[in-house]
Amino acid sequence: MAENSQTQPSYTTLRSIADRKSQLLKEIRKDSDQLTKLRRQLFEKPTALTSKRKGSRMQGLMTTGAGVLDGLILVWKLYRKFKK
């Protein structure tokens, strides 16, 4: 049978346990901060990139206009169908 290669540290005093606990807490907080930064980068909207494009405003207006036109056509078709 293979033995466990990891050895458990032996603590002889309460002070050594408290020191190890504080060390692990620091590492956990450091990892948590790093994960928070990565999560923010992942879900951050690239506002600076889209505002620099010249045609982005025009593209937004065209998309909105197409959506409004599509909605109006749908309303007109429903009106004609249920009018009778």
PDB file of N, CA and C in Angstrom:
ATOM      1  N   MET A   1       0.829  -1.172   0.000  1.00  0.00           N
ATOM      2  CA  MET A   1       0.000   0.000   0.000  1.00  0.00           C
ATOM      3  C   MET A   1       0.877   1.239   0.000  1.00  0.00           C
ATOM      4  N   ALA A   2       0.539   2.220  -0.827  1.00  0.00           N
ATOM      5  CA  ALA A   2       1.348   3.438  -0.924  1.00  0.00           C
ATOM      6  C   ALA A   2       1.023   4.361   0.241  1.00  0.00           C
ATOM      7  N   GLU A   3       2.050   4.946   0.820  1.00  0.00           N
ATOM      8  CA  GLU A   3       1.851   5.873   1.924  1.00  0.00           C
ATOM      9  C   GLU A   3       1.539   7.260   1.391  1.00  0.00           C
ATOM     10  N   ASN A   4       0.889   8.045   2.203  1.00  0.00           N
ATOM     11  CA  ASN A   4       0.547   9.414   1.841  1.00  0.00           C
ATOM     12  C   ASN A   4       1.823  10.247   1.817  1.00  0.00           C
ATOM     13  N   SER A   5       2.096  10.892   0.672  1.00  0.00           N
ATOM     14  CA  SER A   5       3.336  11.661   0.544  1.00  0.00           C
ATOM     15  C   SER A   5       3.278  12.983   1.291  1.00  0.00           C
ATOM     16  N   GLN A   6       2.079  13.454   1.584  1.00  0.00           N
ATOM     17  CA  GLN A   6       1.946  14.703   2.321  1.00  0.00           C
ATOM     18  C   GLN A   6       1.969  14.392   3.813  1.00  0.00           C
ATOM     19  N   THR A   7       2.813  15.105   4.517  1.00  0.00           N
ATOM     20  CA  THR A   7       2.875  14.912   5.958  1.00  0.00           C
ATOM     21  C   THR A   7       2.128  16.040   6.633  1.00  0.00           C
ATOM     22  N   GLN A   8       1.398  15.715   7.653  1.00  0.00           N
ATOM     23  CA  GLN A   8       0.648  16.703   8.399  1.00  0.00           C
ATOM     24  C   GLN A   8       1.600  17.433   9.343  1.00  0.00           C
ATOM     25  N   PRO A   9       1.535  18.766   9.385  1.00  0.00           N
ATOM     26  CA  PRO A   9       2.414  19.491  10.301  1.00  0.00           C
ATOM     27  C   PRO A   9       2.012  19.209  11.753  1.00  0.00           C
ATOM     28  N   SER A  10       3.002  19.138  12.587  1.00  0.00           N
ATOM     29  CA  SER A  10       2.710  18.894  14.003  1.00  0.00           C
ATOM     30  C   SER A  10       2.805  20.208  14.755  1.00  0.00           C
ATOM     31  N   TYR A  11       1.771  20.522  15.483  1.00  0.00           N
ATOM     32  CA  TYR A  11       1.720  21.748  16.253  1.00  0.00           C
ATOM     33  C   TYR A  11       1.896  21.397  17.724  1.00  0.00           C
ATOM     34  N   THR A  12       2.761  22.129  18.357  1.00  0.00           N
ATOM     35  CA  THR A  12       3.022  21.830  19.764  1.00  0.00           C
ATOM     36  C   THR A  12       2.428  22.865  20.704  1.00  0.00           C
ATOM     37  N   THR A  13       2.149  24.073  20.176  1.00  0.00           N
ATOM     38  CA  THR A  13       1.604  25.117  21.039  1.00  0.00           C
ATOM     39  C   THR A  13       0.406  25.774  20.371  1.00  0.00           C
ATOM     40  N   LEU A  14      -0.369  26.441  21.197  1.00  0.00           N
ATOM     41  CA  LEU A  14      -1.498  27.196  20.663  1.00  0.00           C
ATOM     42  C   LEU A  14      -1.024  28.356  19.804  1.00  0.00           C
ATOM     43  N   ARG A  15       0.126  28.898  20.125  1.00  0.00           N
ATOM     44  CA  ARG A  15       0.691  30.014  19.353  1.00  0.00           C
ATOM     45  C   ARG A  15       1.003  29.575  17.919  1.00  0.00           C
ATOM     46  N   SER A  16       1.558  28.379  17.748  1.00  0.00           N
ATOM     47  CA  SER A  16       1.877  27.900  16.401  1.00  0.00           C
ATOM     48  C   SER A  16       0.597  27.665  15.602  1.00  0.00           C
ATOM     49  N   ILE A  17      -0.458  27.212  16.273  1.00  0.00           N
ATOM     50  CA  ILE A  17      -1.741  27.027  15.596  1.00  0.00           C
ATOM     51  C   ILE A  17      -2.309  28.379  15.175  1.00  0.00           C
ATOM     52  N   ALA A  18      -2.249  29.370  16.047  1.00  0.00           N
ATOM     53  CA  ALA A  18      -2.755  30.713  15.732  1.00  0.00           C
ATOM     54  C   ALA A  18      -1.962  31.342  14.600  1.00  0.00           C
ATOM     55  N   ASP A  19      -0.647  31.141  14.590  1.00  0.00           N
ATOM     56  CA  ASP A  19       0.189  31.677  13.508  1.00  0.00           C
ATOM     57  C   ASP A  19      -0.192  31.047  12.167  1.00  0.00           C
ATOM     58  N   ARG A  20      -0.366  29.736  12.176  1.00  0.00           N
ATOM     59  CA  ARG A  20      -0.741  29.040  10.944  1.00  0.00           C
ATOM     60  C   ARG A  20      -2.122  29.493  10.466  1.00  0.00           C
ATOM     61  N   LYS A  21      -3.026  29.687  11.402  1.00  0.00           N
ATOM     62  CA  LYS A  21      -4.367  30.151  11.062  1.00  0.00           C
ATOM     63  C   LYS A  21      -4.320  31.528  10.428  1.00  0.00           C
ATOM     64  N   SER A  22      -3.546  32.442  10.983  1.00  0.00           N
ATOM     65  CA  SER A  22      -3.448  33.785  10.413  1.00  0.00           C
ATOM     66  C   SER A  22      -2.777  33.759   9.041  1.00  0.00           C
ATOM     67  N   GLN A  23      -1.803  32.869   8.876  1.00  0.00           N
ATOM     68  CA  GLN A  23      -1.138  32.742   7.584  1.00  0.00           C
ATOM     69  C   GLN A  23      -2.123  32.237   6.530  1.00  0.00           C
ATOM     70  N   LEU A  24      -2.904  31.225   6.866  1.00  0.00           N
ATOM     71  CA  LEU A  24      -3.895  30.702   5.925  1.00  0.00           C
ATOM     72  C   LEU A  24      -4.974  31.733   5.618  1.00  0.00           C
ATOM     73  N   LEU A  25      -5.370  32.512   6.618  1.00  0.00           N
ATOM     74  CA  LEU A  25      -6.369  33.551   6.402  1.00  0.00           C
ATOM     75  C   LEU A  25      -5.866  34.613   5.437  1.00  0.00           C
ATOM     76  N   LYS A  26      -4.599  34.993   5.546  1.00  0.00           N
ATOM     77  CA  LYS A  26      -4.005  35.961   4.618  1.00  0.00           C
ATOM     78  C   LYS A  26      -4.005  35.415   3.194  1.00  0.00           C
ATOM     79  N   GLU A  27      -3.649  34.140   3.052  1.00  0.00           N
ATOM     80  CA  GLU A  27      -3.621  33.524   1.725  1.00  0.00           C
ATOM     81  C   GLU A  27      -5.025  33.454   1.122  1.00  0.00           C
ATOM     82  N   ILE A  28      -6.006  33.127   1.948  1.00  0.00           N
ATOM     83  CA  ILE A  28      -7.388  33.055   1.471  1.00  0.00           C
ATOM     84  C   ILE A  28      -7.868  34.426   1.022  1.00  0.00           C
ATOM     85  N   ARG A  29      -7.588  35.457   1.792  1.00  0.00           N
ATOM     86  CA  ARG A  29      -7.997  36.813   1.414  1.00  0.00           C
ATOM     87  C   ARG A  29      -7.303  37.271   0.134  1.00  0.00           C
ATOM     88  N   LYS A  30      -6.033  36.913  -0.010  1.00  0.00           N
ATOM     89  CA  LYS A  30      -5.290  37.282  -1.220  1.00  0.00           C
ATOM     90  C   LYS A  30      -5.914  36.605  -2.443  1.00  0.00           C
ATOM     91  N   ASP A  31      -6.225  35.317  -2.322  1.00  0.00           N
ATOM     92  CA  ASP A  31      -6.865  34.597  -3.419  1.00  0.00           C
ATOM     93  C   ASP A  31      -8.248  35.145  -3.720  1.00  0.00           C
ATOM     94  N   SER A  32      -8.980  35.507  -2.688  1.00  0.00           N
ATOM     95  CA  SER A  32     -10.314  36.070  -2.873  1.00  0.00           C
ATOM     96  C   SER A  32     -10.249  37.405  -3.604  1.00  0.00           C
ATOM     97  N   ASP A  33      -9.290  38.241  -3.242  1.00  0.00           N
ATOM     98  CA  ASP A  33      -9.127  39.521  -3.939  1.00  0.00           C
ATOM     99  C   ASP A  33      -8.769  39.313  -5.404  1.00  0.00           C
ATOM    100  N   GLN A  34      -7.911  38.344  -5.660  1.00  0.00           N
ATOM    101  CA  GLN A  34      -7.512  38.068  -7.040  1.00  0.00           C
ATOM    102  C   GLN A  34      -8.713  37.566  -7.855  1.00  0.00           C
ATOM    103  N   LEU A  35      -9.531  36.695  -7.260  1.00  0.00           N
ATOM    104  CA  LEU A  35     -10.722  36.209  -7.958  1.00  0.00           C
ATOM    105  C   LEU A  35     -11.715  37.333  -8.214  1.00  0.00           C
ATOM    106  N   THR A  36     -11.851  38.241  -7.275  1.00  0.00           N
ATOM    107  CA  THR A  36     -12.752  39.375  -7.451  1.00  0.00           C
ATOM    108  C   THR A  36     -12.297  40.251  -8.612  1.00  0.00           C
ATOM    109  N   LYS A  37     -10.997  40.505  -8.698  1.00  0.00           N
ATOM    110  CA  LYS A  37     -10.469  41.303  -9.814  1.00  0.00           C
ATOM    111  C   LYS A  37     -10.714  40.618 -11.144  1.00  0.00           C
ATOM    112  N   LEU A  38     -10.468  39.310 -11.206  1.00  0.00           N
ATOM    113  CA  LEU A  38     -10.681  38.575 -12.451  1.00  0.00           C
ATOM    114  C   LEU A  38     -12.154  38.554 -12.838  1.00  0.00           C
ATOM    115  N   ARG A  39     -13.049  38.411 -11.852  1.00  0.00           N
ATOM    116  CA  ARG A  39     -14.482  38.408 -12.135  1.00  0.00           C
ATOM    117  C   ARG A  39     -14.921  39.759 -12.672  1.00  0.00           C
ATOM    118  N   ARG A  40     -14.407  40.835 -12.107  1.00  0.00           N
ATOM    119  CA  ARG A  40     -14.767  42.168 -12.597  1.00  0.00           C
ATOM    120  C   ARG A  40     -14.276  42.378 -14.020  1.00  0.00           C
ATOM    121  N   GLN A  41     -13.067  41.897 -14.325  1.00  0.00           N
ATOM    122  CA  GLN A  41     -12.550  42.029 -15.689  1.00  0.00           C
ATOM    123  C   GLN A  41     -13.393  41.223 -16.669  1.00  0.00           C
ATOM    124  N   LEU A  42     -13.883  40.082 -16.223  1.00  0.00           N
ATOM    125  CA  LEU A  42     -14.651  39.206 -17.102  1.00  0.00           C
ATOM    126  C   LEU A  42     -15.992  39.813 -17.476  1.00  0.00           C
ATOM    127  N   PHE A  43     -16.672  40.444 -16.515  1.00  0.00           N
ATOM    128  CA  PHE A  43     -18.006  40.958 -16.756  1.00  0.00           C
ATOM    129  C   PHE A  43     -18.050  42.456 -16.996  1.00  0.00           C
ATOM    130  N   GLU A  44     -16.930  43.104 -17.130  1.00  0.00           N
ATOM    131  CA  GLU A  44     -16.888  44.543 -17.351  1.00  0.00           C
ATOM    132  C   GLU A  44     -17.227  44.857 -18.804  1.00  0.00           C
ATOM    133  N   LYS A  45     -18.080  45.825 -19.002  1.00  0.00           N
ATOM    134  CA  LYS A  45     -18.446  46.211 -20.360  1.00  0.00           C
ATOM    135  C   LYS A  45     -17.337  47.078 -20.957  1.00  0.00           C
ATOM    136  N   PRO A  46     -16.948  46.817 -22.178  1.00  0.00           N
ATOM    137  CA  PRO A  46     -15.904  47.614 -22.815  1.00  0.00           C
ATOM    138  C   PRO A  46     -16.457  48.936 -23.353  1.00  0.00           C
ATOM    139  N   THR A  47     -16.792  49.860 -22.469  1.00  0.00           N
ATOM    140  CA  THR A  47     -17.412  51.122 -22.876  1.00  0.00           C
ATOM    141  C   THR A  47     -16.447  52.007 -23.648  1.00  0.00           C
ATOM    142  N   ALA A  48     -15.184  51.995 -23.295  1.00  0.00           N
ATOM    143  CA  ALA A  48     -14.215  52.864 -23.967  1.00  0.00           C
ATOM    144  C   ALA A  48     -14.041  52.460 -25.424  1.00  0.00           C
ATOM    145  N   LEU A  49     -14.112  51.176 -25.701  1.00  0.00           N
ATOM    146  CA  LEU A  49     -13.917  50.693 -27.063  1.00  0.00           C
ATOM    147  C   LEU A  49     -15.093  51.068 -27.961  1.00  0.00           C
ATOM    148  N   THR A  50     -16.319  50.931 -27.475  1.00  0.00           N
ATOM    149  CA  THR A  50     -17.473  51.209 -28.327  1.00  0.00           C
ATOM    150  C   THR A  50     -17.682  52.704 -28.538  1.00  0.00           C
ATOM    151  N   SER A  51     -17.306  53.538 -27.575  1.00  0.00           N
ATOM    152  CA  SER A  51     -17.528  54.966 -27.733  1.00  0.00           C
ATOM    153  C   SER A  51     -16.538  55.603 -28.706  1.00  0.00           C
ATOM    154  N   LYS A  52     -15.437  54.932 -28.993  1.00  0.00           N
ATOM    155  CA  LYS A  52     -14.444  55.501 -29.905  1.00  0.00           C
ATOM    156  C   LYS A  52     -14.789  55.256 -31.368  1.00  0.00           C
ATOM    157  N   ARG A  53     -15.665  54.313 -31.630  1.00  0.00           N
ATOM    158  CA  ARG A  53     -16.029  54.049 -33.019  1.00  0.00           C
ATOM    159  C   ARG A  53     -16.950  55.143 -33.534  1.00  0.00           C
ATOM    160  N   LYS A  54     -16.701  55.562 -34.762  1.00  0.00           N
ATOM    161  CA  LYS A  54     -17.486  56.652 -35.340  1.00  0.00           C
ATOM    162  C   LYS A  54     -18.901  56.214 -35.686  1.00  0.00           C
ATOM    163  N   GLY A  55     -19.059  55.009 -36.175  1.00  0.00           N
ATOM    164  CA  GLY A  55     -20.368  54.564 -36.632  1.00  0.00           C
ATOM    165  C   GLY A  55     -21.210  53.896 -35.576  1.00  0.00           C
ATOM    166  N   SER A  56     -20.745  53.824 -34.342  1.00  0.00           N
ATOM    167  CA  SER A  56     -21.502  53.094 -33.327  1.00  0.00           C
ATOM    168  C   SER A  56     -22.816  53.792 -32.984  1.00  0.00           C
ATOM    169  N   ARG A  57     -22.840  55.113 -32.981  1.00  0.00           N
ATOM    170  CA  ARG A  57     -24.082  55.837 -32.688  1.00  0.00           C
ATOM    171  C   ARG A  57     -25.091  55.612 -33.809  1.00  0.00           C
ATOM    172  N   MET A  58     -24.625  55.691 -35.045  1.00  0.00           N
ATOM    173  CA  MET A  58     -25.507  55.477 -36.184  1.00  0.00           C
ATOM    174  C   MET A  58     -26.025  54.036 -36.194  1.00  0.00           C
ATOM    175  N   GLN A  59     -25.163  53.098 -35.873  1.00  0.00           N
ATOM    176  CA  GLN A  59     -25.561  51.700 -35.828  1.00  0.00           C
ATOM    177  C   GLN A  59     -26.625  51.492 -34.746  1.00  0.00           C
ATOM    178  N   GLY A  60     -26.480  52.130 -33.616  1.00  0.00           N
ATOM    179  CA  GLY A  60     -27.465  52.021 -32.549  1.00  0.00           C
ATOM    180  C   GLY A  60     -28.806  52.584 -32.960  1.00  0.00           C
ATOM    181  N   LEU A  61     -28.789  53.709 -33.661  1.00  0.00           N
ATOM    182  CA  LEU A  61     -30.041  54.299 -34.139  1.00  0.00           C
ATOM    183  C   LEU A  61     -30.725  53.403 -35.167  1.00  0.00           C
ATOM    184  N   MET A  62     -29.940  52.802 -36.039  1.00  0.00           N
ATOM    185  CA  MET A  62     -30.512  51.906 -37.051  1.00  0.00           C
ATOM    186  C   MET A  62     -31.133  50.675 -36.387  1.00  0.00           C
ATOM    187  N   THR A  63     -30.477  50.129 -35.398  1.00  0.00           N
ATOM    188  CA  THR A  63     -30.991  48.952 -34.700  1.00  0.00           C
ATOM    189  C   THR A  63     -32.288  49.287 -33.969  1.00  0.00           C
ATOM    190  N   THR A  64     -32.311  50.424 -33.294  1.00  0.00           N
ATOM    191  CA  THR A  64     -33.514  50.850 -32.588  1.00  0.00           C
ATOM    192  C   THR A  64     -34.653  51.110 -33.561  1.00  0.00           C
ATOM    193  N   GLY A  65     -34.350  51.766 -34.656  1.00  0.00           N
ATOM    194  CA  GLY A  65     -35.367  52.049 -35.666  1.00  0.00           C
ATOM    195  C   GLY A  65     -35.931  50.776 -36.271  1.00  0.00           C
ATOM    196  N   ALA A  66     -35.084  49.808 -36.522  1.00  0.00           N
ATOM    197  CA  ALA A  66     -35.558  48.539 -37.082  1.00  0.00           C
ATOM    198  C   ALA A  66     -36.454  47.822 -36.085  1.00  0.00           C
ATOM    199  N   GLY A  67     -36.124  47.891 -34.806  1.00  0.00           N
ATOM    200  CA  GLY A  67     -36.961  47.266 -33.783  1.00  0.00           C
ATOM    201  C   GLY A  67     -38.312  47.924 -33.672  1.00  0.00           C
ATOM    202  N   VAL A  68     -38.339  49.240 -33.736  1.00  0.00           N
ATOM    203  CA  VAL A  68     -39.610  49.978 -33.674  1.00  0.00           C
ATOM    204  C   VAL A  68     -40.457  49.657 -34.901  1.00  0.00           C
ATOM    205  N   LEU A  69     -39.856  49.645 -36.073  1.00  0.00           N
ATOM    206  CA  LEU A  69     -40.587  49.322 -37.301  1.00  0.00           C
ATOM    207  C   LEU A  69     -41.155  47.910 -37.238  1.00  0.00           C
ATOM    208  N   ASP A  70     -40.393  46.965 -36.756  1.00  0.00           N
ATOM    209  CA  ASP A  70     -40.852  45.595 -36.624  1.00  0.00           C
ATOM    210  C   ASP A  70     -42.041  45.522 -35.669  1.00  0.00           C
ATOM    211  N   GLY A  71     -41.977  46.251 -34.575  1.00  0.00           N
ATOM    212  CA  GLY A  71     -43.092  46.289 -33.625  1.00  0.00           C
ATOM    213  C   GLY A  71     -44.343  46.888 -34.232  1.00  0.00           C
ATOM    214  N   LEU A  72     -44.190  47.963 -34.991  1.00  0.00           N
ATOM    215  CA  LEU A  72     -45.346  48.594 -35.633  1.00  0.00           C
ATOM    216  C   LEU A  72     -46.007  47.668 -36.652  1.00  0.00           C
ATOM    217  N   ILE A  73     -45.193  46.962 -37.413  1.00  0.00           N
ATOM    218  CA  ILE A  73     -45.741  46.019 -38.403  1.00  0.00           C
ATOM    219  C   ILE A  73     -46.497  44.898 -37.688  1.00  0.00           C
ATOM    220  N   LEU A  74     -45.970  44.410 -36.576  1.00  0.00           N
ATOM    221  CA  LEU A  74     -46.648  43.374 -35.814  1.00  0.00           C
ATOM    222  C   LEU A  74     -47.989  43.873 -35.282  1.00  0.00           C
ATOM    223  N   VAL A  75     -48.016  45.068 -34.744  1.00  0.00           N
ATOM    224  CA  VAL A  75     -49.263  45.640 -34.231  1.00  0.00           C
ATOM    225  C   VAL A  75     -50.278  45.797 -35.357  1.00  0.00           C
ATOM    226  N   TRP A  76     -49.845  46.262 -36.511  1.00  0.00           N
ATOM    227  CA  TRP A  76     -50.744  46.443 -37.647  1.00  0.00           C
ATOM    228  C   TRP A  76     -51.332  45.105 -38.096  1.00  0.00           C
ATOM    229  N   LYS A  77     -50.515  44.064 -38.165  1.00  0.00           N
ATOM    230  CA  LYS A  77     -50.999  42.745 -38.562  1.00  0.00           C
ATOM    231  C   LYS A  77     -52.005  42.195 -37.548  1.00  0.00           C
ATOM    232  N   LEU A  78     -51.712  42.352 -36.274  1.00  0.00           N
ATOM    233  CA  LEU A  78     -52.649  41.890 -35.249  1.00  0.00           C
ATOM    234  C   LEU A  78     -53.957  42.678 -35.288  1.00  0.00           C
ATOM    235  N   TYR A  79     -53.865  43.962 -35.529  1.00  0.00           N
ATOM    236  CA  TYR A  79     -55.057  44.815 -35.628  1.00  0.00           C
ATOM    237  C   TYR A  79     -55.960  44.346 -36.767  1.00  0.00           C
ATOM    238  N   ARG A  80     -55.346  44.096 -37.921  1.00  0.00           N
ATOM    239  CA  ARG A  80     -56.136  43.655 -39.083  1.00  0.00           C
ATOM    240  C   ARG A  80     -56.740  42.269 -38.846  1.00  0.00           C
ATOM    241  N   LYS A  81     -56.020  41.397 -38.138  1.00  0.00           N
ATOM    242  CA  LYS A  81     -56.504  40.041 -37.915  1.00  0.00           C
ATOM    243  C   LYS A  81     -57.701  40.037 -36.961  1.00  0.00           C
ATOM    244  N   PHE A  82     -57.618  40.807 -35.886  1.00  0.00           N
ATOM    245  CA  PHE A  82     -58.687  40.780 -34.877  1.00  0.00           C
ATOM    246  C   PHE A  82     -59.753  41.847 -35.109  1.00  0.00           C
ATOM    247  N   LYS A  83     -59.621  42.634 -36.145  1.00  0.00           N
ATOM    248  CA  LYS A  83     -60.598  43.670 -36.466  1.00  0.00           C
ATOM    249  C   LYS A  83     -61.915  43.053 -36.914  1.00  0.00           C
ATOM    250  N   LYS A  84     -61.830  41.947 -37.618  1.00  0.00           N
ATOM    251  CA  LYS A  84     -63.007  41.311 -38.207  1.00  0.00           C
ATOM    252  C   LYS A  84     -63.866  40.636 -37.198  1.00  0.00           C
TER     253      LYS A  84
END
